[in-house]
Amino acid sequence: MTVDDEVTGHYGRPGMLQAIMQAAERAGLDPDALVSSDLSAVDEFHLGGLAATRSIFDLLDPVPGSRLLDVGAGIGGPARVGASQYGCTVTGVDLTPELTELATDLTARVGLDDRVSFQTADAVSLPFPDGSFDLATLIHVGMNMPEKARVFAEVRRVLETGGRFANYDQMLTGTQQPAYPVPWARDGGASFLSTTQDYRTMLSDAGFGVETEEDRTRAGIDFFEAMTAASRGGPPPFGLHVLFGPEWPVRVRNNQQALEDGTLVATLMVARAI
């Protein structure tokens, strides 16, 4: 099995759209009248959820019509936020075809398909001409990327000079790995963690200058604690467990422990293409 197979097999599964629509109905939402914000409990696959997404866009400071590339777009949560709340025209790419299809379907359901589109693509070879975008995001995706240096070089190629690239990932503090499973991987076969210094070096080598670096570890721990508290007595009707199944609480516990014991840090870096 290739690395790509490991990653796509982790995220892609049949019946995801049906599961989301059924969960939305249980949560009191009308599946036929959804708006983008209704989906935030299931379409933000990263520490901090929707609040973190908004903070990232605030740092990127887009203007209406900014051309945004979302690398590893998942089912499209941050891409839809960029369009609906910040006026961006967004292109999302993801390695997993099932996620791209689901992102496209959900985006049409909430009426944003005129401003947001998705393609299945490997980020080491982005299918866009040089300088196609003003902004780019990579949110909790690098943990699944064995060739981050190539990805960062590709993002730099498709960004205009002066464009900003927000990279929000969980990163190693040393050589110790977290206990598996974690949200992004069942085992080490799909997990490719690097240190913050590795990220700085790779971004610099790709032609970026890091302008902002924030440690978001404490906020990540708080996020998991709130998620666990909300699940006491049973999971809420709408949440990430809808997509990740009964193993989700174990994944959360392992990830939270790795943040608490210092194995991992959650770091946001915003870099400018130079």
C-alpha atoms as a PDB file:
ATOM      1  CA  MET A   1       0.000   0.000   0.000  1.00  0.00           C
ATOM      2  CA  THR A   2       1.366   3.428  -0.959  1.00  0.00           C
ATOM      3  CA  VAL A   3       1.422   6.468   1.315  1.00  0.00           C
ATOM      4  CA  ASP A   4      -1.329   8.039  -0.788  1.00  0.00           C
ATOM      5  CA  ASP A   5      -3.446   4.919  -0.273  1.00  0.00           C
ATOM      6  CA  GLU A   6      -2.844   5.113   3.488  1.00  0.00           C
ATOM      7  CA  VAL A   7      -3.962   8.744   3.627  1.00  0.00           C
ATOM      8  CA  THR A   8      -6.970   8.467   1.328  1.00  0.00           C
ATOM      9  CA  GLY A   9      -8.040   5.257   3.049  1.00  0.00           C
ATOM     10  CA  HIS A  10      -7.985   7.041   6.400  1.00  0.00           C
ATOM     11  CA  TYR A  11     -10.299   9.851   5.302  1.00  0.00           C
ATOM     12  CA  GLY A  12     -12.413   8.404   2.517  1.00  0.00           C
ATOM     13  CA  ARG A  13     -15.348   6.156   3.297  1.00  0.00           C
ATOM     14  CA  PRO A  14     -18.786   5.538   1.792  1.00  0.00           C
ATOM     15  CA  GLY A  15     -21.939   7.100   3.155  1.00  0.00           C
ATOM     16  CA  MET A  16     -20.448  10.332   4.534  1.00  0.00           C
ATOM     17  CA  LEU A  17     -23.035  12.639   2.960  1.00  0.00           C
ATOM     18  CA  GLN A  18     -25.900  10.534   4.260  1.00  0.00           C
ATOM     19  CA  ALA A  19     -24.349  10.454   7.736  1.00  0.00           C
ATOM     20  CA  ILE A  20     -23.999  14.248   7.801  1.00  0.00           C
ATOM     21  CA  MET A  21     -27.552  14.854   6.581  1.00  0.00           C
ATOM     22  CA  GLN A  22     -29.002  12.428   9.132  1.00  0.00           C
ATOM     23  CA  ALA A  23     -26.963  14.006  11.932  1.00  0.00           C
ATOM     24  CA  ALA A  24     -28.044  17.484  10.848  1.00  0.00           C
ATOM     25  CA  GLU A  25     -31.675  16.426  11.070  1.00  0.00           C
ATOM     26  CA  ARG A  26     -31.135  14.936  14.551  1.00  0.00           C
ATOM     27  CA  ALA A  27     -29.591  18.271  15.571  1.00  0.00           C
ATOM     28  CA  GLY A  28     -32.754  20.096  14.520  1.00  0.00           C
ATOM     29  CA  LEU A  29     -31.433  21.430  11.220  1.00  0.00           C
ATOM     30  CA  ASP A  30     -33.279  21.243   7.934  1.00  0.00           C
ATOM     31  CA  PRO A  31     -31.048  19.258   5.536  1.00  0.00           C
ATOM     32  CA  ASP A  32     -32.712  21.019   2.611  1.00  0.00           C
ATOM     33  CA  ALA A  33     -32.129  24.547   3.950  1.00  0.00           C
ATOM     34  CA  LEU A  34     -28.586  24.515   5.306  1.00  0.00           C
ATOM     35  CA  VAL A  35     -26.296  27.528   5.438  1.00  0.00           C
ATOM     36  CA  SER A  36     -22.524  27.341   5.636  1.00  0.00           C
ATOM     37  CA  SER A  37     -22.312  28.023   9.381  1.00  0.00           C
ATOM     38  CA  ASP A  38     -24.629  25.076  10.113  1.00  0.00           C
ATOM     39  CA  LEU A  39     -21.858  22.689   9.076  1.00  0.00           C
ATOM     40  CA  SER A  40     -19.065  23.985  11.307  1.00  0.00           C
ATOM     41  CA  ALA A  41     -19.375  21.123  13.805  1.00  0.00           C
ATOM     42  CA  VAL A  42     -18.441  18.582  11.124  1.00  0.00           C
ATOM     43  CA  ASP A  43     -16.437  20.434   8.469  1.00  0.00           C
ATOM     44  CA  GLU A  44     -13.608  21.993  10.542  1.00  0.00           C
ATOM     45  CA  PHE A  45     -11.041  19.176  10.953  1.00  0.00           C
ATOM     46  CA  HIS A  46      -8.565  21.052  13.143  1.00  0.00           C
ATOM     47  CA  LEU A  47      -7.875  22.315  16.658  1.00  0.00           C
ATOM     48  CA  GLY A  48     -10.049  25.292  17.501  1.00  0.00           C
ATOM     49  CA  GLY A  49     -12.637  24.605  14.815  1.00  0.00           C
ATOM     50  CA  LEU A  50     -14.454  27.585  13.324  1.00  0.00           C
ATOM     51  CA  ALA A  51     -12.926  30.116  15.734  1.00  0.00           C
ATOM     52  CA  ALA A  52      -9.439  29.058  14.639  1.00  0.00           C
ATOM     53  CA  THR A  53     -10.409  29.306  10.978  1.00  0.00           C
ATOM     54  CA  ARG A  54     -11.648  32.852  11.443  1.00  0.00           C
ATOM     55  CA  SER A  55      -8.484  33.851  13.296  1.00  0.00           C
ATOM     56  CA  ILE A  56      -6.379  32.521  10.434  1.00  0.00           C
ATOM     57  CA  PHE A  57      -8.327  34.543   7.883  1.00  0.00           C
ATOM     58  CA  ASP A  58      -8.066  37.618  10.076  1.00  0.00           C
ATOM     59  CA  LEU A  59      -4.274  37.295   9.909  1.00  0.00           C
ATOM     60  CA  LEU A  60      -4.319  36.731   6.150  1.00  0.00           C
ATOM     61  CA  ASP A  61      -6.415  39.914   5.804  1.00  0.00           C
ATOM     62  CA  PRO A  62      -8.103  39.106   2.480  1.00  0.00           C
ATOM     63  CA  VAL A  63      -9.998  41.679   0.451  1.00  0.00           C
ATOM     64  CA  PRO A  64     -13.196  40.910  -1.486  1.00  0.00           C
ATOM     65  CA  GLY A  65     -12.229  38.923  -4.541  1.00  0.00           C
ATOM     66  CA  SER A  66      -8.944  37.606  -3.111  1.00  0.00           C
ATOM     67  CA  ARG A  67      -7.998  34.373  -4.857  1.00  0.00           C
ATOM     68  CA  LEU A  68      -7.456  31.766  -2.167  1.00  0.00           C
ATOM     69  CA  LEU A  69      -6.003  28.266  -2.512  1.00  0.00           C
ATOM     70  CA  ASP A  70      -6.907  25.847   0.301  1.00  0.00           C
ATOM     71  CA  VAL A  71      -4.472  22.921   0.244  1.00  0.00           C
ATOM     72  CA  GLY A  72      -5.903  19.775   1.785  1.00  0.00           C
ATOM     73  CA  ALA A  73      -9.384  21.237   1.785  1.00  0.00           C
ATOM     74  CA  GLY A  74     -11.130  18.212   3.293  1.00  0.00           C
ATOM     75  CA  ILE A  75     -14.889  18.611   3.045  1.00  0.00           C
ATOM     76  CA  GLY A  76     -14.548  22.339   2.554  1.00  0.00           C
ATOM     77  CA  GLY A  77     -15.182  24.050   5.885  1.00  0.00           C
ATOM     78  CA  PRO A  78     -12.415  26.692   5.792  1.00  0.00           C
ATOM     79  CA  ALA A  79     -12.938  27.249   2.059  1.00  0.00           C
ATOM     80  CA  ARG A  80     -16.604  28.070   2.641  1.00  0.00           C
ATOM     81  CA  VAL A  81     -15.685  30.409   5.508  1.00  0.00           C
ATOM     82  CA  GLY A  82     -13.239  32.211   3.244  1.00  0.00           C
ATOM     83  CA  ALA A  83     -15.949  32.767   0.658  1.00  0.00           C
ATOM     84  CA  SER A  84     -18.994  33.447   2.841  1.00  0.00           C
ATOM     85  CA  GLN A  85     -17.377  35.578   5.546  1.00  0.00           C
ATOM     86  CA  TYR A  86     -14.327  37.134   3.859  1.00  0.00           C
ATOM     87  CA  GLY A  87     -15.371  37.522   0.224  1.00  0.00           C
ATOM     88  CA  CYS A  88     -12.703  35.262  -1.263  1.00  0.00           C
ATOM     89  CA  THR A  89     -12.927  33.237  -4.446  1.00  0.00           C
ATOM     90  CA  VAL A  90     -11.664  29.862  -3.267  1.00  0.00           C
ATOM     91  CA  THR A  91     -10.174  26.805  -4.922  1.00  0.00           C
ATOM     92  CA  GLY A  92      -9.710  23.770  -2.696  1.00  0.00           C
ATOM     93  CA  VAL A  93      -7.575  20.744  -3.498  1.00  0.00           C
ATOM     94  CA  ASP A  94      -7.461  17.423  -1.682  1.00  0.00           C
ATOM     95  CA  LEU A  95      -5.863  14.040  -2.278  1.00  0.00           C
ATOM     96  CA  THR A  96      -8.992  12.075  -1.304  1.00  0.00           C
ATOM     97  CA  PRO A  97     -11.662  11.898  -4.046  1.00  0.00           C
ATOM     98  CA  GLU A  98     -14.472  11.157  -1.583  1.00  0.00           C
ATOM     99  CA  LEU A  99     -13.692  14.351   0.323  1.00  0.00           C
ATOM    100  CA  THR A 100     -13.556  16.445  -2.845  1.00  0.00           C
ATOM    101  CA  GLU A 101     -16.927  15.072  -3.958  1.00  0.00           C
ATOM    102  CA  LEU A 102     -18.464  15.683  -0.542  1.00  0.00           C
ATOM    103  CA  ALA A 103     -17.012  19.218  -0.366  1.00  0.00           C
ATOM    104  CA  THR A 104     -18.498  20.003  -3.772  1.00  0.00           C
ATOM    105  CA  ASP A 105     -21.916  18.650  -2.783  1.00  0.00           C
ATOM    106  CA  LEU A 106     -22.044  20.513   0.543  1.00  0.00           C
ATOM    107  CA  THR A 107     -20.896  23.743  -1.079  1.00  0.00           C
ATOM    108  CA  ALA A 108     -23.700  23.554  -3.632  1.00  0.00           C
ATOM    109  CA  ARG A 109     -26.228  22.813  -0.870  1.00  0.00           C
ATOM    110  CA  VAL A 110     -25.316  26.021   0.973  1.00  0.00           C
ATOM    111  CA  GLY A 111     -25.300  28.113  -2.214  1.00  0.00           C
ATOM    112  CA  LEU A 112     -21.590  28.887  -2.463  1.00  0.00           C
ATOM    113  CA  ASP A 113     -20.642  26.910  -5.576  1.00  0.00           C
ATOM    114  CA  ASP A 114     -20.327  30.145  -7.580  1.00  0.00           C
ATOM    115  CA  ARG A 115     -17.392  31.182  -5.369  1.00  0.00           C
ATOM    116  CA  VAL A 116     -15.881  27.902  -4.155  1.00  0.00           C
ATOM    117  CA  SER A 117     -14.682  24.925  -6.201  1.00  0.00           C
ATOM    118  CA  PHE A 118     -12.726  21.760  -5.423  1.00  0.00           C
ATOM    119  CA  GLN A 119     -10.370  19.480  -7.308  1.00  0.00           C
ATOM    120  CA  THR A 120      -8.797  16.155  -6.470  1.00  0.00           C
ATOM    121  CA  ALA A 121      -5.053  16.730  -6.740  1.00  0.00           C
ATOM    122  CA  ASP A 122      -1.738  15.881  -5.115  1.00  0.00           C
ATOM    123  CA  ALA A 123      -0.253  19.038  -3.598  1.00  0.00           C
ATOM    124  CA  VAL A 124       3.262  18.090  -4.732  1.00  0.00           C
ATOM    125  CA  SER A 125       2.089  18.920  -8.280  1.00  0.00           C
ATOM    126  CA  LEU A 126      -0.635  21.559  -8.200  1.00  0.00           C
ATOM    127  CA  PRO A 127      -2.653  21.861 -11.451  1.00  0.00           C
ATOM    128  CA  PHE A 128      -2.462  25.671 -11.666  1.00  0.00           C
ATOM    129  CA  PRO A 129      -0.287  28.187 -13.518  1.00  0.00           C
ATOM    130  CA  ASP A 130       2.333  30.248 -11.717  1.00  0.00           C
ATOM    131  CA  GLY A 131       0.950  33.165  -9.725  1.00  0.00           C
ATOM    132  CA  SER A 132      -2.677  32.005  -9.815  1.00  0.00           C
ATOM    133  CA  PHE A 133      -3.491  32.957  -6.205  1.00  0.00           C
ATOM    134  CA  ASP A 134      -3.130  35.806  -3.732  1.00  0.00           C
ATOM    135  CA  LEU A 135      -3.464  33.707  -0.560  1.00  0.00           C
ATOM    136  CA  ALA A 136      -3.083  30.080   0.494  1.00  0.00           C
ATOM    137  CA  THR A 137      -3.952  27.987   3.534  1.00  0.00           C
ATOM    138  CA  LEU A 138      -2.818  24.606   4.765  1.00  0.00           C
ATOM    139  CA  ILE A 139      -4.720  23.717   7.939  1.00  0.00           C
ATOM    140  CA  HIS A 140      -3.854  20.511   9.814  1.00  0.00           C
ATOM    141  CA  VAL A 141      -2.753  18.802   6.630  1.00  0.00           C
ATOM    142  CA  GLY A 142       1.036  18.746   6.883  1.00  0.00           C
ATOM    143  CA  MET A 143       0.828  15.905   9.406  1.00  0.00           C
ATOM    144  CA  ASN A 144      -0.238  13.676   6.480  1.00  0.00           C
ATOM    145  CA  MET A 145       2.365  14.982   4.008  1.00  0.00           C
ATOM    146  CA  PRO A 146       5.672  13.112   3.642  1.00  0.00           C
ATOM    147  CA  GLU A 147       7.002  15.669   1.117  1.00  0.00           C
ATOM    148  CA  LYS A 148       6.162  18.987   2.731  1.00  0.00           C
ATOM    149  CA  ALA A 149       9.168  20.713   1.164  1.00  0.00           C
ATOM    150  CA  ARG A 150       7.827  19.938  -2.324  1.00  0.00           C
ATOM    151  CA  VAL A 151       4.345  21.066  -1.307  1.00  0.00           C
ATOM    152  CA  PHE A 152       5.621  24.386   0.036  1.00  0.00           C
ATOM    153  CA  ALA A 153       7.591  24.936  -3.184  1.00  0.00           C
ATOM    154  CA  GLU A 154       4.435  24.305  -5.218  1.00  0.00           C
ATOM    155  CA  VAL A 155       2.409  26.695  -3.072  1.00  0.00           C
ATOM    156  CA  ARG A 156       5.086  29.332  -3.604  1.00  0.00           C
ATOM    157  CA  ARG A 157       4.962  28.747  -7.356  1.00  0.00           C
ATOM    158  CA  VAL A 158       1.206  29.296  -7.606  1.00  0.00           C
ATOM    159  CA  LEU A 159       1.221  32.328  -5.271  1.00  0.00           C
ATOM    160  CA  GLU A 160       1.918  35.830  -6.494  1.00  0.00           C
ATOM    161  CA  THR A 161       4.985  37.482  -5.008  1.00  0.00           C
ATOM    162  CA  GLY A 162       3.829  39.134  -1.793  1.00  0.00           C
ATOM    163  CA  GLY A 163       1.040  36.613  -1.296  1.00  0.00           C
ATOM    164  CA  ARG A 164       0.520  35.135   2.161  1.00  0.00           C
ATOM    165  CA  PHE A 165       0.529  31.450   3.119  1.00  0.00           C
ATOM    166  CA  ALA A 166      -1.047  30.377   6.444  1.00  0.00           C
ATOM    167  CA  ASN A 167       0.174  27.033   7.744  1.00  0.00           C
ATOM    168  CA  TYR A 168      -1.498  25.667  10.886  1.00  0.00           C
ATOM    169  CA  ASP A 169      -0.295  22.209  11.935  1.00  0.00           C
ATOM    170  CA  GLN A 170       0.596  20.038  14.874  1.00  0.00           C
ATOM    171  CA  MET A 171       4.369  19.680  15.070  1.00  0.00           C
ATOM    172  CA  LEU A 172       6.893  17.592  16.958  1.00  0.00           C
ATOM    173  CA  THR A 173       9.016  19.040  19.739  1.00  0.00           C
ATOM    174  CA  GLY A 174      11.609  16.255  19.471  1.00  0.00           C
ATOM    175  CA  THR A 175      11.777  12.675  18.223  1.00  0.00           C
ATOM    176  CA  GLN A 176       9.004  11.099  20.291  1.00  0.00           C
ATOM    177  CA  GLN A 177       5.830  10.231  18.405  1.00  0.00           C
ATOM    178  CA  PRO A 178       2.297  10.464  19.839  1.00  0.00           C
ATOM    179  CA  ALA A 179       0.336   7.355  20.728  1.00  0.00           C
ATOM    180  CA  TYR A 180      -1.875   6.220  17.872  1.00  0.00           C
ATOM    181  CA  PRO A 181      -4.604   6.462  16.696  1.00  0.00           C
ATOM    182  CA  VAL A 182      -4.885  10.245  16.431  1.00  0.00           C
ATOM    183  CA  PRO A 183      -7.383  12.298  14.388  1.00  0.00           C
ATOM    184  CA  TRP A 184      -5.187  12.355  11.284  1.00  0.00           C
ATOM    185  CA  ALA A 185      -3.898   8.758  11.335  1.00  0.00           C
ATOM    186  CA  ARG A 186      -4.703   5.288  12.599  1.00  0.00           C
ATOM    187  CA  ASP A 187      -0.976   4.545  12.915  1.00  0.00           C
ATOM    188  CA  GLY A 188       2.407   5.857  11.846  1.00  0.00           C
ATOM    189  CA  GLY A 189       1.889   4.747   8.250  1.00  0.00           C
ATOM    190  CA  ALA A 190      -0.097   7.889   7.400  1.00  0.00           C
ATOM    191  CA  SER A 191       1.560  10.292   9.862  1.00  0.00           C
ATOM    192  CA  PHE A 192       4.517  12.462   8.869  1.00  0.00           C
ATOM    193  CA  LEU A 193       5.216  14.854  11.702  1.00  0.00           C
ATOM    194  CA  SER A 194       7.982  17.446  11.605  1.00  0.00           C
ATOM    195  CA  THR A 195       9.357  19.991  14.057  1.00  0.00           C
ATOM    196  CA  THR A 196       8.666  23.711  14.016  1.00  0.00           C
ATOM    197  CA  GLN A 197      12.272  24.298  12.945  1.00  0.00           C
ATOM    198  CA  ASP A 198      11.761  21.891  10.042  1.00  0.00           C
ATOM    199  CA  TYR A 199       8.747  23.953   8.959  1.00  0.00           C
ATOM    200  CA  ARG A 200      10.681  27.213   9.188  1.00  0.00           C
ATOM    201  CA  THR A 201      13.514  25.765   7.106  1.00  0.00           C
ATOM    202  CA  MET A 202      11.233  24.277   4.472  1.00  0.00           C
ATOM    203  CA  LEU A 203       9.265  27.500   4.128  1.00  0.00           C
ATOM    204  CA  SER A 204      12.445  29.531   3.787  1.00  0.00           C
ATOM    205  CA  ASP A 205      13.893  27.133   1.214  1.00  0.00           C
ATOM    206  CA  ALA A 206      10.641  27.366  -0.773  1.00  0.00           C
ATOM    207  CA  GLY A 207      10.855  31.158  -0.978  1.00  0.00           C
ATOM    208  CA  PHE A 208       8.797  32.313   1.985  1.00  0.00           C
ATOM    209  CA  GLY A 209       9.561  34.624   4.862  1.00  0.00           C
ATOM    210  CA  VAL A 210       7.728  33.770   8.082  1.00  0.00           C
ATOM    211  CA  GLU A 211       6.014  36.916   9.375  1.00  0.00           C
ATOM    212  CA  THR A 212       3.897  35.485  12.207  1.00  0.00           C
ATOM    213  CA  GLU A 213       4.381  32.424  14.405  1.00  0.00           C
ATOM    214  CA  GLU A 214       1.922  31.589  17.187  1.00  0.00           C
ATOM    215  CA  ASP A 215       1.875  28.707  19.659  1.00  0.00           C
ATOM    216  CA  ARG A 216      -1.740  27.535  19.808  1.00  0.00           C
ATOM    217  CA  THR A 217      -1.152  24.484  21.990  1.00  0.00           C
ATOM    218  CA  ARG A 218      -3.071  25.712  25.036  1.00  0.00           C
ATOM    219  CA  ALA A 219      -6.023  26.668  22.857  1.00  0.00           C
ATOM    220  CA  GLY A 220      -5.908  23.191  21.320  1.00  0.00           C
ATOM    221  CA  ILE A 221      -6.011  21.508  24.715  1.00  0.00           C
ATOM    222  CA  ASP A 222      -8.921  23.734  25.739  1.00  0.00           C
ATOM    223  CA  PHE A 223     -10.710  22.782  22.514  1.00  0.00           C
ATOM    224  CA  PHE A 224     -10.383  19.080  23.267  1.00  0.00           C
ATOM    225  CA  GLU A 225     -11.458  19.573  26.882  1.00  0.00           C
ATOM    226  CA  ALA A 226     -14.603  21.367  25.738  1.00  0.00           C
ATOM    227  CA  MET A 227     -15.306  18.624  23.195  1.00  0.00           C
ATOM    228  CA  THR A 228     -14.949  15.939  25.853  1.00  0.00           C
ATOM    229  CA  ALA A 229     -17.180  17.812  28.295  1.00  0.00           C
ATOM    230  CA  ALA A 230     -19.878  18.175  25.648  1.00  0.00           C
ATOM    231  CA  SER A 231     -19.785  14.412  25.053  1.00  0.00           C
ATOM    232  CA  ARG A 232     -20.366  13.331  28.633  1.00  0.00           C
ATOM    233  CA  GLY A 233     -23.523  11.271  28.655  1.00  0.00           C
ATOM    234  CA  GLY A 234     -23.106  10.552  24.953  1.00  0.00           C
ATOM    235  CA  PRO A 235     -21.872  12.402  21.872  1.00  0.00           C
ATOM    236  CA  PRO A 236     -23.845  15.401  20.580  1.00  0.00           C
ATOM    237  CA  PRO A 237     -25.933  14.750  17.487  1.00  0.00           C
ATOM    238  CA  PHE A 238     -23.629  16.796  15.264  1.00  0.00           C
ATOM    239  CA  GLY A 239     -19.845  16.576  15.558  1.00  0.00           C
ATOM    240  CA  LEU A 240     -16.678  15.101  14.079  1.00  0.00           C
ATOM    241  CA  HIS A 241     -17.564  11.660  15.446  1.00  0.00           C
ATOM    242  CA  VAL A 242     -20.214  11.554  12.697  1.00  0.00           C
ATOM    243  CA  LEU A 243     -17.384  11.117  10.161  1.00  0.00           C
ATOM    244  CA  PHE A 244     -14.761   9.352  12.264  1.00  0.00           C
ATOM    245  CA  GLY A 245     -16.953   6.839  14.075  1.00  0.00           C
ATOM    246  CA  PRO A 246     -16.775   5.254  17.535  1.00  0.00           C
ATOM    247  CA  GLU A 247     -12.963   5.439  17.701  1.00  0.00           C
ATOM    248  CA  TRP A 248     -13.106   9.246  17.754  1.00  0.00           C
ATOM    249  CA  PRO A 249     -12.871   9.642  21.586  1.00  0.00           C
ATOM    250  CA  VAL A 250      -9.684   7.536  21.633  1.00  0.00           C
ATOM    251  CA  ARG A 251      -8.160   9.659  18.891  1.00  0.00           C
ATOM    252  CA  VAL A 252      -9.009  12.816  20.837  1.00  0.00           C
ATOM    253  CA  ARG A 253      -7.534  11.479  24.086  1.00  0.00           C
ATOM    254  CA  ASN A 254      -4.266  10.474  22.420  1.00  0.00           C
ATOM    255  CA  ASN A 255      -3.940  13.823  20.672  1.00  0.00           C
ATOM    256  CA  GLN A 256      -4.739  15.787  23.811  1.00  0.00           C
ATOM    257  CA  GLN A 257      -2.198  13.778  25.804  1.00  0.00           C
ATOM    258  CA  ALA A 258       0.505  14.468  23.219  1.00  0.00           C
ATOM    259  CA  LEU A 259      -0.189  18.202  23.484  1.00  0.00           C
ATOM    260  CA  GLU A 260      -0.262  18.120  27.276  1.00  0.00           C
ATOM    261  CA  ASP A 261       2.973  16.150  27.677  1.00  0.00           C
ATOM    262  CA  GLY A 262       4.832  18.283  25.149  1.00  0.00           C
ATOM    263  CA  THR A 263       5.249  15.665  22.438  1.00  0.00           C
ATOM    264  CA  LEU A 264       3.368  17.962  20.052  1.00  0.00           C
ATOM    265  CA  VAL A 265       2.756  21.678  19.726  1.00  0.00           C
ATOM    266  CA  ALA A 266       0.052  23.357  17.671  1.00  0.00           C
ATOM    267  CA  THR A 267       1.687  26.131  15.662  1.00  0.00           C
ATOM    268  CA  LEU A 268       0.360  28.693  13.224  1.00  0.00           C
ATOM    269  CA  MET A 269       2.825  30.247  10.802  1.00  0.00           C
ATOM    270  CA  VAL A 270       1.905  32.955   8.315  1.00  0.00           C
ATOM    271  CA  ALA A 271       4.554  33.451   5.661  1.00  0.00           C
ATOM    272  CA  ARG A 272       4.889  35.863   2.742  1.00  0.00           C
ATOM    273  CA  ALA A 273       6.045  34.833  -0.733  1.00  0.00           C
ATOM    274  CA  ILE A 274       9.300  36.693  -1.458  1.00  0.00           C
END
